[in-house]
Amino acid sequence: MSFYTSLSGLKGAQTDLSVISNNLANVGSTGFKKSRAQFSDLFARSPTQSTKMHAGQGTRLNAVVQQFTQGTLEATDKTLDLAIAGEGFFVTRGDPPREAITYTRNGAFQVNANRQVVDTIGSTLQLLPVDASGNVTSATLASATDFVLPSVSTTDASVSLVNVSIGIDGLVTATYSDGSDEMLGKIAMASFTAQEALRPIGDAHWQSTGESGQPAIESATNGTLGSVRSGALERANVDVTEELVALISAQRNFQANAKAIETASNMTQAIVSIR
């Protein structure tokens, strides 16, 4: 029995090492959120047995939980490099026919051939409609539209785009060569009651699940969503020193369980060799 108990500890330590290694490997990944392996003990006895007379049966992996703490913001030279100072997520929509909705903290956006503002997986950043005063008129996924940079003014095709700016509230304003401005919309932001239950799909992107609940859609600077910082990117929230200490601890746990297995094997071999 001690062999299998130590084996469960060995597997647990190996999983812990894998999670920590993944954190360290993504120190340079934009918008990455570190994870922690959570374990629980195993104990099983029949109702007629006294629990005071028996030890546990090892450990099992309970969950690998992501930690959605704020990462450090790093300044860049691009207007379309966006970072969130808060708990919100950018809302992006994939290509037809699926048009999958994903949520990301990776604000490294760029313009594609169709002048759509897309993220690292090719999904288009979503904007909420605004009125003439810049106030959001409808905050739902259904009302959100693709962020498309105009090349010319919508009122005069001879007037070309010269600049685009994004405020801390996510308001996108286009400036044209004649000095006129046009508000294109506000960047759609999402928040979740249970962030840890989001399903990661890579590239600092997540999808909602039944456990995470449906997203609350709003613009930046509302509630805990936080503000949008144009010309900045969020670094991974991985503390290298902390991870290295955890790595040493996981390594020692692995070695201790391996030693326990070796000891159990030696004891079994000694019993078998008795004549």
C-alpha atoms as a PDB file:
ATOM      1  CA  MET A   1       0.000   0.000   0.000  1.00  0.00           C
ATOM      2  CA  SER A   2       2.838   2.414   0.836  1.00  0.00           C
ATOM      3  CA  PHE A   3       4.189   1.878  -2.689  1.00  0.00           C
ATOM      4  CA  TYR A   4       0.979   3.185  -4.293  1.00  0.00           C
ATOM      5  CA  THR A   5       0.690   6.000  -1.756  1.00  0.00           C
ATOM      6  CA  SER A   6       4.181   7.219  -2.652  1.00  0.00           C
ATOM      7  CA  LEU A   7       3.435   6.711  -6.333  1.00  0.00           C
ATOM      8  CA  SER A   8       0.508   9.149  -6.084  1.00  0.00           C
ATOM      9  CA  GLY A   9       2.858  11.637  -4.401  1.00  0.00           C
ATOM     10  CA  LEU A  10       5.382  11.090  -7.186  1.00  0.00           C
ATOM     11  CA  LYS A  11       2.762  11.829  -9.850  1.00  0.00           C
ATOM     12  CA  GLY A  12       1.613  14.885  -7.912  1.00  0.00           C
ATOM     13  CA  ALA A  13       5.149  16.255  -7.682  1.00  0.00           C
ATOM     14  CA  GLN A  14       5.638  15.589 -11.396  1.00  0.00           C
ATOM     15  CA  THR A  15       2.455  17.547 -12.200  1.00  0.00           C
ATOM     16  CA  ASP A  16       3.605  20.377  -9.944  1.00  0.00           C
ATOM     17  CA  LEU A  17       6.939  20.452 -11.781  1.00  0.00           C
ATOM     18  CA  SER A  18       5.121  20.593 -15.128  1.00  0.00           C
ATOM     19  CA  VAL A  19       2.934  23.532 -14.048  1.00  0.00           C
ATOM     20  CA  ILE A  20       5.891  25.476 -12.656  1.00  0.00           C
ATOM     21  CA  SER A  21       7.947  24.736 -15.780  1.00  0.00           C
ATOM     22  CA  ASN A  22       5.110  26.068 -17.939  1.00  0.00           C
ATOM     23  CA  ASN A  23       5.028  29.266 -15.867  1.00  0.00           C
ATOM     24  CA  LEU A  24       8.768  29.776 -16.289  1.00  0.00           C
ATOM     25  CA  ALA A  25       8.617  28.995 -20.010  1.00  0.00           C
ATOM     26  CA  ASN A  26       6.049  31.792 -20.491  1.00  0.00           C
ATOM     27  CA  VAL A  27       7.821  34.577 -18.605  1.00  0.00           C
ATOM     28  CA  GLY A  28       8.110  36.475 -21.893  1.00  0.00           C
ATOM     29  CA  SER A  29       4.577  35.723 -23.167  1.00  0.00           C
ATOM     30  CA  THR A  30       2.383  38.824 -23.402  1.00  0.00           C
ATOM     31  CA  GLY A  31      -0.696  38.677 -21.173  1.00  0.00           C
ATOM     32  CA  PHE A  32       0.165  35.207 -19.816  1.00  0.00           C
ATOM     33  CA  LYS A  33      -1.353  34.238 -16.455  1.00  0.00           C
ATOM     34  CA  LYS A  34       0.504  31.808 -14.225  1.00  0.00           C
ATOM     35  CA  SER A  35      -1.092  28.631 -12.869  1.00  0.00           C
ATOM     36  CA  ARG A  36      -0.956  26.729  -9.620  1.00  0.00           C
ATOM     37  CA  ALA A  37      -1.553  23.016  -9.090  1.00  0.00           C
ATOM     38  CA  GLN A  38      -3.939  22.291  -6.226  1.00  0.00           C
ATOM     39  CA  PHE A  39      -3.934  18.877  -4.554  1.00  0.00           C
ATOM     40  CA  SER A  40      -6.178  17.071  -2.083  1.00  0.00           C
ATOM     41  CA  ASP A  41      -5.605  14.008   0.091  1.00  0.00           C
ATOM     42  CA  LEU A  42      -7.106  10.566  -0.545  1.00  0.00           C
ATOM     43  CA  PHE A  43      -8.775   8.732   2.318  1.00  0.00           C
ATOM     44  CA  ALA A  44     -11.190   5.832   1.951  1.00  0.00           C
ATOM     45  CA  ARG A  45     -12.509   3.482   4.616  1.00  0.00           C
ATOM     46  CA  SER A  46     -15.751   1.582   5.126  1.00  0.00           C
ATOM     47  CA  PRO A  47     -18.226   2.832   7.750  1.00  0.00           C
ATOM     48  CA  THR A  48     -17.387  -0.097  10.050  1.00  0.00           C
ATOM     49  CA  GLN A  49     -13.662   0.697  10.177  1.00  0.00           C
ATOM     50  CA  SER A  50     -12.106   3.116  12.635  1.00  0.00           C
ATOM     51  CA  THR A  51     -10.441   6.064  10.909  1.00  0.00           C
ATOM     52  CA  LYS A  52      -8.089   6.361  13.880  1.00  0.00           C
ATOM     53  CA  MET A  53      -6.406   3.114  12.915  1.00  0.00           C
ATOM     54  CA  HIS A  54      -5.639   3.853   9.249  1.00  0.00           C
ATOM     55  CA  ALA A  55      -3.433   6.231   7.294  1.00  0.00           C
ATOM     56  CA  GLY A  56      -4.405   8.050   4.126  1.00  0.00           C
ATOM     57  CA  GLN A  57      -3.946   6.659   0.652  1.00  0.00           C
ATOM     58  CA  GLY A  58      -1.976   9.452  -0.981  1.00  0.00           C
ATOM     59  CA  THR A  59      -2.864  12.542  -2.972  1.00  0.00           C
ATOM     60  CA  ARG A  60      -4.630  13.506  -6.179  1.00  0.00           C
ATOM     61  CA  LEU A  61      -4.652  16.517  -8.442  1.00  0.00           C
ATOM     62  CA  ASN A  62      -7.663  18.658  -7.591  1.00  0.00           C
ATOM     63  CA  ALA A  63      -7.228  21.373 -10.237  1.00  0.00           C
ATOM     64  CA  VAL A  64      -4.720  23.465 -12.163  1.00  0.00           C
ATOM     65  CA  VAL A  65      -5.967  26.981 -11.426  1.00  0.00           C
ATOM     66  CA  GLN A  66      -4.854  30.108 -13.263  1.00  0.00           C
ATOM     67  CA  GLN A  67      -4.001  33.211 -11.243  1.00  0.00           C
ATOM     68  CA  PHE A  68      -5.507  36.328 -12.828  1.00  0.00           C
ATOM     69  CA  THR A  69      -3.376  38.884 -11.010  1.00  0.00           C
ATOM     70  CA  GLN A  70      -2.195  42.059 -12.721  1.00  0.00           C
ATOM     71  CA  GLY A  71       0.980  41.854 -14.777  1.00  0.00           C
ATOM     72  CA  THR A  72       3.469  44.666 -15.234  1.00  0.00           C
ATOM     73  CA  LEU A  73       2.678  47.141 -18.022  1.00  0.00           C
ATOM     74  CA  GLU A  74       5.487  47.750 -20.512  1.00  0.00           C
ATOM     75  CA  ALA A  75       5.451  50.839 -22.738  1.00  0.00           C
ATOM     76  CA  THR A  76       5.717  50.404 -26.528  1.00  0.00           C
ATOM     77  CA  ASP A  77       5.619  52.709 -29.567  1.00  0.00           C
ATOM     78  CA  LYS A  78       2.393  51.368 -31.135  1.00  0.00           C
ATOM     79  CA  THR A  79      -1.032  52.915 -30.625  1.00  0.00           C
ATOM     80  CA  LEU A  80      -2.675  49.529 -31.218  1.00  0.00           C
ATOM     81  CA  ASP A  81      -0.617  47.889 -28.463  1.00  0.00           C
ATOM     82  CA  LEU A  82      -3.187  47.835 -25.670  1.00  0.00           C
ATOM     83  CA  ALA A  83      -2.958  46.840 -22.025  1.00  0.00           C
ATOM     84  CA  ILE A  84      -5.605  46.553 -19.329  1.00  0.00           C
ATOM     85  CA  ALA A  85      -5.027  48.004 -15.868  1.00  0.00           C
ATOM     86  CA  GLY A  86      -7.793  46.076 -14.131  1.00  0.00           C
ATOM     87  CA  GLU A  87      -9.643  42.765 -14.297  1.00  0.00           C
ATOM     88  CA  GLY A  88     -11.301  43.040 -17.705  1.00  0.00           C
ATOM     89  CA  PHE A  89     -10.704  41.147 -20.947  1.00  0.00           C
ATOM     90  CA  PHE A  90     -10.673  42.295 -24.560  1.00  0.00           C
ATOM     91  CA  VAL A  91     -13.463  40.720 -26.619  1.00  0.00           C
ATOM     92  CA  THR A  92     -12.459  39.254 -29.997  1.00  0.00           C
ATOM     93  CA  ARG A  93     -14.451  37.514 -32.718  1.00  0.00           C
ATOM     94  CA  GLY A  94     -13.102  34.859 -35.085  1.00  0.00           C
ATOM     95  CA  ASP A  95     -13.630  34.515 -38.820  1.00  0.00           C
ATOM     96  CA  PRO A  96     -16.897  33.206 -40.342  1.00  0.00           C
ATOM     97  CA  PRO A  97     -18.617  30.806 -40.298  1.00  0.00           C
ATOM     98  CA  ARG A  98     -17.888  29.978 -36.641  1.00  0.00           C
ATOM     99  CA  GLU A  99     -17.163  33.549 -35.482  1.00  0.00           C
ATOM    100  CA  ALA A 100     -15.958  32.158 -32.162  1.00  0.00           C
ATOM    101  CA  ILE A 101     -15.899  34.675 -29.309  1.00  0.00           C
ATOM    102  CA  THR A 102     -12.729  34.652 -27.240  1.00  0.00           C
ATOM    103  CA  TYR A 103     -11.426  36.826 -24.419  1.00  0.00           C
ATOM    104  CA  THR A 104      -7.824  37.926 -24.118  1.00  0.00           C
ATOM    105  CA  ARG A 105      -5.344  39.974 -22.107  1.00  0.00           C
ATOM    106  CA  ASN A 106      -2.857  39.926 -24.989  1.00  0.00           C
ATOM    107  CA  GLY A 107      -3.229  43.412 -26.472  1.00  0.00           C
ATOM    108  CA  ALA A 108      -0.678  43.068 -29.293  1.00  0.00           C
ATOM    109  CA  PHE A 109      -3.132  44.087 -32.026  1.00  0.00           C
ATOM    110  CA  GLN A 110      -2.308  44.846 -35.639  1.00  0.00           C
ATOM    111  CA  VAL A 111      -4.098  45.744 -38.877  1.00  0.00           C
ATOM    112  CA  ASN A 112      -4.656  43.024 -41.484  1.00  0.00           C
ATOM    113  CA  ALA A 113      -5.191  43.331 -45.251  1.00  0.00           C
ATOM    114  CA  ASN A 114      -8.883  44.112 -44.734  1.00  0.00           C
ATOM    115  CA  ARG A 115      -7.980  46.919 -42.298  1.00  0.00           C
ATOM    116  CA  GLN A 116      -9.415  44.908 -39.420  1.00  0.00           C
ATOM    117  CA  VAL A 117      -7.672  45.251 -36.059  1.00  0.00           C
ATOM    118  CA  VAL A 118      -6.797  41.652 -35.182  1.00  0.00           C
ATOM    119  CA  ASP A 119      -4.965  39.859 -32.385  1.00  0.00           C
ATOM    120  CA  THR A 120      -2.262  37.188 -32.461  1.00  0.00           C
ATOM    121  CA  ILE A 121      -4.694  34.415 -33.498  1.00  0.00           C
ATOM    122  CA  GLY A 122      -6.378  36.494 -36.202  1.00  0.00           C
ATOM    123  CA  SER A 123      -9.569  37.325 -34.293  1.00  0.00           C
ATOM    124  CA  THR A 124     -10.975  40.837 -34.661  1.00  0.00           C
ATOM    125  CA  LEU A 125     -11.212  43.223 -31.716  1.00  0.00           C
ATOM    126  CA  GLN A 126     -14.811  44.239 -30.970  1.00  0.00           C
ATOM    127  CA  LEU A 127     -16.177  47.767 -30.529  1.00  0.00           C
ATOM    128  CA  LEU A 128     -19.348  48.915 -28.798  1.00  0.00           C
ATOM    129  CA  PRO A 129     -21.482  51.579 -30.564  1.00  0.00           C
ATOM    130  CA  VAL A 130     -21.430  55.117 -29.159  1.00  0.00           C
ATOM    131  CA  ASP A 131     -23.497  58.261 -29.611  1.00  0.00           C
ATOM    132  CA  ALA A 132     -22.278  61.734 -30.559  1.00  0.00           C
ATOM    133  CA  SER A 133     -21.123  62.308 -26.974  1.00  0.00           C
ATOM    134  CA  GLY A 134     -19.055  59.111 -26.870  1.00  0.00           C
ATOM    135  CA  ASN A 135     -21.456  57.222 -24.582  1.00  0.00           C
ATOM    136  CA  VAL A 136     -22.113  53.534 -25.220  1.00  0.00           C
ATOM    137  CA  THR A 137     -25.593  53.001 -26.643  1.00  0.00           C
ATOM    138  CA  SER A 138     -25.721  49.194 -26.366  1.00  0.00           C
ATOM    139  CA  ALA A 139     -23.447  46.956 -24.285  1.00  0.00           C
ATOM    140  CA  THR A 140     -24.082  43.439 -25.592  1.00  0.00           C
ATOM    141  CA  LEU A 141     -22.152  40.927 -27.670  1.00  0.00           C
ATOM    142  CA  ALA A 142     -24.841  41.143 -30.338  1.00  0.00           C
ATOM    143  CA  SER A 143     -24.379  44.902 -30.727  1.00  0.00           C
ATOM    144  CA  ALA A 144     -20.566  44.756 -30.850  1.00  0.00           C
ATOM    145  CA  THR A 145     -18.948  45.250 -34.256  1.00  0.00           C
ATOM    146  CA  ASP A 146     -15.521  44.568 -35.735  1.00  0.00           C
ATOM    147  CA  PHE A 147     -12.849  47.220 -35.213  1.00  0.00           C
ATOM    148  CA  VAL A 148     -12.067  48.310 -38.775  1.00  0.00           C
ATOM    149  CA  LEU A 149      -9.764  51.241 -39.468  1.00  0.00           C
ATOM    150  CA  PRO A 150     -11.208  53.540 -42.146  1.00  0.00           C
ATOM    151  CA  SER A 151      -8.832  54.710 -44.867  1.00  0.00           C
ATOM    152  CA  VAL A 152     -10.896  57.799 -45.681  1.00  0.00           C
ATOM    153  CA  SER A 153     -13.592  59.855 -43.995  1.00  0.00           C
ATOM    154  CA  THR A 154     -17.106  58.429 -44.130  1.00  0.00           C
ATOM    155  CA  THR A 155     -18.422  61.867 -45.163  1.00  0.00           C
ATOM    156  CA  ASP A 156     -15.752  62.799 -47.727  1.00  0.00           C
ATOM    157  CA  ALA A 157     -13.828  60.134 -49.643  1.00  0.00           C
ATOM    158  CA  SER A 158     -11.121  62.661 -50.578  1.00  0.00           C
ATOM    159  CA  VAL A 159     -10.140  63.113 -46.925  1.00  0.00           C
ATOM    160  CA  SER A 160      -7.713  60.438 -45.727  1.00  0.00           C
ATOM    161  CA  LEU A 161      -7.034  59.037 -42.274  1.00  0.00           C
ATOM    162  CA  VAL A 162      -3.952  60.503 -40.570  1.00  0.00           C
ATOM    163  CA  ASN A 163      -4.210  59.285 -36.984  1.00  0.00           C
ATOM    164  CA  VAL A 164      -6.132  57.070 -34.587  1.00  0.00           C
ATOM    165  CA  SER A 165      -6.155  57.461 -30.813  1.00  0.00           C
ATOM    166  CA  ILE A 166      -7.529  55.299 -28.003  1.00  0.00           C
ATOM    167  CA  GLY A 167      -8.466  56.796 -24.638  1.00  0.00           C
ATOM    168  CA  ILE A 168      -8.291  55.158 -21.214  1.00  0.00           C
ATOM    169  CA  ASP A 169     -12.041  54.537 -21.470  1.00  0.00           C
ATOM    170  CA  GLY A 170     -11.467  52.628 -24.715  1.00  0.00           C
ATOM    171  CA  LEU A 171     -12.931  55.340 -26.962  1.00  0.00           C
ATOM    172  CA  VAL A 172     -11.440  55.026 -30.453  1.00  0.00           C
ATOM    173  CA  THR A 173     -11.170  58.331 -32.338  1.00  0.00           C
ATOM    174  CA  ALA A 174     -10.087  58.674 -35.967  1.00  0.00           C
ATOM    175  CA  THR A 175      -8.527  61.959 -37.131  1.00  0.00           C
ATOM    176  CA  TYR A 176      -8.557  62.914 -40.815  1.00  0.00           C
ATOM    177  CA  SER A 177      -6.391  65.167 -42.993  1.00  0.00           C
ATOM    178  CA  ASP A 178      -8.917  68.017 -42.875  1.00  0.00           C
ATOM    179  CA  GLY A 179      -8.676  68.113 -39.079  1.00  0.00           C
ATOM    180  CA  SER A 180     -12.051  66.453 -38.454  1.00  0.00           C
ATOM    181  CA  ASP A 181     -12.552  63.694 -35.879  1.00  0.00           C
ATOM    182  CA  GLU A 182     -14.828  60.665 -35.878  1.00  0.00           C
ATOM    183  CA  MET A 183     -15.602  58.385 -32.925  1.00  0.00           C
ATOM    184  CA  LEU A 184     -15.537  54.794 -34.144  1.00  0.00           C
ATOM    185  CA  GLY A 185     -16.768  53.228 -30.887  1.00  0.00           C
ATOM    186  CA  LYS A 186     -15.505  52.004 -27.532  1.00  0.00           C
ATOM    187  CA  ILE A 187     -13.479  48.845 -27.100  1.00  0.00           C
ATOM    188  CA  ALA A 188     -15.703  46.058 -25.775  1.00  0.00           C
ATOM    189  CA  MET A 189     -14.570  44.672 -22.429  1.00  0.00           C
ATOM    190  CA  ALA A 190     -15.746  41.574 -20.588  1.00  0.00           C
ATOM    191  CA  SER A 191     -15.708  40.518 -16.949  1.00  0.00           C
ATOM    192  CA  PHE A 192     -16.566  37.193 -15.310  1.00  0.00           C
ATOM    193  CA  THR A 193     -17.763  36.244 -11.862  1.00  0.00           C
ATOM    194  CA  ALA A 194     -15.526  33.150 -11.842  1.00  0.00           C
ATOM    195  CA  GLN A 195     -12.413  33.980 -13.875  1.00  0.00           C
ATOM    196  CA  GLU A 196     -10.599  30.823 -12.764  1.00  0.00           C
ATOM    197  CA  ALA A 197     -13.217  28.704 -14.543  1.00  0.00           C
ATOM    198  CA  LEU A 198     -12.427  30.165 -17.984  1.00  0.00           C
ATOM    199  CA  ARG A 199     -11.113  27.676 -20.552  1.00  0.00           C
ATOM    200  CA  PRO A 200      -7.626  28.567 -21.804  1.00  0.00           C
ATOM    201  CA  ILE A 201      -6.990  28.025 -25.514  1.00  0.00           C
ATOM    202  CA  GLY A 202      -3.460  29.450 -25.755  1.00  0.00           C
ATOM    203  CA  ASP A 203      -1.921  32.794 -26.738  1.00  0.00           C
ATOM    204  CA  ALA A 204      -3.389  34.341 -23.557  1.00  0.00           C
ATOM    205  CA  HIS A 205      -6.915  33.683 -24.875  1.00  0.00           C
ATOM    206  CA  TRP A 206      -9.836  32.146 -23.020  1.00  0.00           C
ATOM    207  CA  GLN A 207     -13.370  30.978 -23.720  1.00  0.00           C
ATOM    208  CA  SER A 208     -16.319  31.116 -21.354  1.00  0.00           C
ATOM    209  CA  THR A 209     -17.653  27.919 -19.770  1.00  0.00           C
ATOM    210  CA  GLY A 210     -20.722  26.937 -17.792  1.00  0.00           C
ATOM    211  CA  GLU A 211     -18.704  27.338 -14.588  1.00  0.00           C
ATOM    212  CA  SER A 212     -17.348  30.787 -15.484  1.00  0.00           C
ATOM    213  CA  GLY A 213     -20.819  32.065 -16.406  1.00  0.00           C
ATOM    214  CA  GLN A 214     -21.697  34.457 -19.177  1.00  0.00           C
ATOM    215  CA  PRO A 215     -19.590  37.623 -19.531  1.00  0.00           C
ATOM    216  CA  ALA A 216     -20.727  41.056 -18.429  1.00  0.00           C
ATOM    217  CA  ILE A 217     -20.011  43.353 -21.394  1.00  0.00           C
ATOM    218  CA  GLU A 218     -19.153  47.016 -20.821  1.00  0.00           C
ATOM    219  CA  SER A 219     -16.616  49.640 -21.798  1.00  0.00           C
ATOM    220  CA  ALA A 220     -13.443  50.375 -19.837  1.00  0.00           C
ATOM    221  CA  THR A 221     -13.435  52.396 -16.581  1.00  0.00           C
ATOM    222  CA  ASN A 222     -16.678  50.711 -15.490  1.00  0.00           C
ATOM    223  CA  GLY A 223     -16.515  48.746 -12.242  1.00  0.00           C
ATOM    224  CA  THR A 224     -13.543  46.402 -11.938  1.00  0.00           C
ATOM    225  CA  LEU A 225     -12.907  46.248 -15.698  1.00  0.00           C
ATOM    226  CA  GLY A 226     -10.114  48.791 -15.361  1.00  0.00           C
ATOM    227  CA  SER A 227      -8.756  51.193 -17.935  1.00  0.00           C
ATOM    228  CA  VAL A 228      -7.206  50.720 -21.372  1.00  0.00           C
ATOM    229  CA  ARG A 229      -3.608  51.877 -21.851  1.00  0.00           C
ATOM    230  CA  SER A 230      -2.711  52.549 -25.459  1.00  0.00           C
ATOM    231  CA  GLY A 231       0.971  52.093 -26.340  1.00  0.00           C
ATOM    232  CA  ALA A 232       1.564  49.456 -23.668  1.00  0.00           C
ATOM    233  CA  LEU A 233       1.491  45.677 -23.259  1.00  0.00           C
ATOM    234  CA  GLU A 234       0.908  43.567 -20.163  1.00  0.00           C
ATOM    235  CA  ARG A 235       3.775  41.264 -19.271  1.00  0.00           C
ATOM    236  CA  ALA A 236       3.261  37.813 -17.770  1.00  0.00           C
ATOM    237  CA  ASN A 237       2.413  37.865 -14.055  1.00  0.00           C
ATOM    238  CA  VAL A 238       5.156  35.323 -13.339  1.00  0.00           C
ATOM    239  CA  ASP A 239       7.626  36.060 -10.527  1.00  0.00           C
ATOM    240  CA  VAL A 240      10.768  34.123 -11.508  1.00  0.00           C
ATOM    241  CA  THR A 241      12.144  34.047  -7.955  1.00  0.00           C
ATOM    242  CA  GLU A 242       8.889  32.677  -6.576  1.00  0.00           C
ATOM    243  CA  GLU A 243       8.705  30.045  -9.288  1.00  0.00           C
ATOM    244  CA  LEU A 244      12.291  28.913  -8.721  1.00  0.00           C
ATOM    245  CA  VAL A 245      11.618  28.449  -4.993  1.00  0.00           C
ATOM    246  CA  ALA A 246       8.487  26.450  -5.851  1.00  0.00           C
ATOM    247  CA  LEU A 247      10.538  24.432  -8.348  1.00  0.00           C
ATOM    248  CA  ILE A 248      13.046  23.473  -5.641  1.00  0.00           C
ATOM    249  CA  SER A 249      10.199  22.470  -3.311  1.00  0.00           C
ATOM    250  CA  ALA A 250       8.539  20.329  -6.002  1.00  0.00           C
ATOM    251  CA  GLN A 251      11.877  18.705  -6.810  1.00  0.00           C
ATOM    252  CA  ARG A 252      12.413  17.783  -3.148  1.00  0.00           C
ATOM    253  CA  ASN A 253       8.891  16.362  -2.942  1.00  0.00           C
ATOM    254  CA  PHE A 254       9.635  14.261  -6.016  1.00  0.00           C
ATOM    255  CA  GLN A 255      12.904  12.998  -4.524  1.00  0.00           C
ATOM    256  CA  ALA A 256      11.259  12.220  -1.158  1.00  0.00           C
ATOM    257  CA  ASN A 257       8.485  10.179  -2.746  1.00  0.00           C
ATOM    258  CA  ALA A 258      10.980   8.384  -4.974  1.00  0.00           C
ATOM    259  CA  LYS A 259      12.983   7.499  -1.849  1.00  0.00           C
ATOM    260  CA  ALA A 260       9.829   6.202  -0.140  1.00  0.00           C
ATOM    261  CA  ILE A 261       9.139   3.958  -3.153  1.00  0.00           C
ATOM    262  CA  GLU A 262      12.723   2.697  -3.062  1.00  0.00           C
ATOM    263  CA  THR A 263      12.398   1.946   0.660  1.00  0.00           C
ATOM    264  CA  ALA A 264       9.098   0.078   0.158  1.00  0.00           C
ATOM    265  CA  SER A 265      10.707  -1.937  -2.650  1.00  0.00           C
ATOM    266  CA  ASN A 266      13.696  -2.846  -0.450  1.00  0.00           C
ATOM    267  CA  MET A 267      11.374  -3.933   2.362  1.00  0.00           C
ATOM    268  CA  THR A 268       9.384  -6.139  -0.017  1.00  0.00           C
ATOM    269  CA  GLN A 269      12.576  -7.652  -1.406  1.00  0.00           C
ATOM    270  CA  ALA A 270      13.858  -8.363   2.114  1.00  0.00           C
ATOM    271  CA  ILE A 271      10.609 -10.146   3.062  1.00  0.00           C
ATOM    272  CA  VAL A 272      10.660 -12.246  -0.120  1.00  0.00           C
ATOM    273  CA  SER A 273      14.272 -13.302   0.529  1.00  0.00           C
ATOM    274  CA  ILE A 274      13.514 -14.630   4.025  1.00  0.00           C
ATOM    275  CA  ARG A 275      13.792 -18.416   4.107  1.00  0.00           C
END
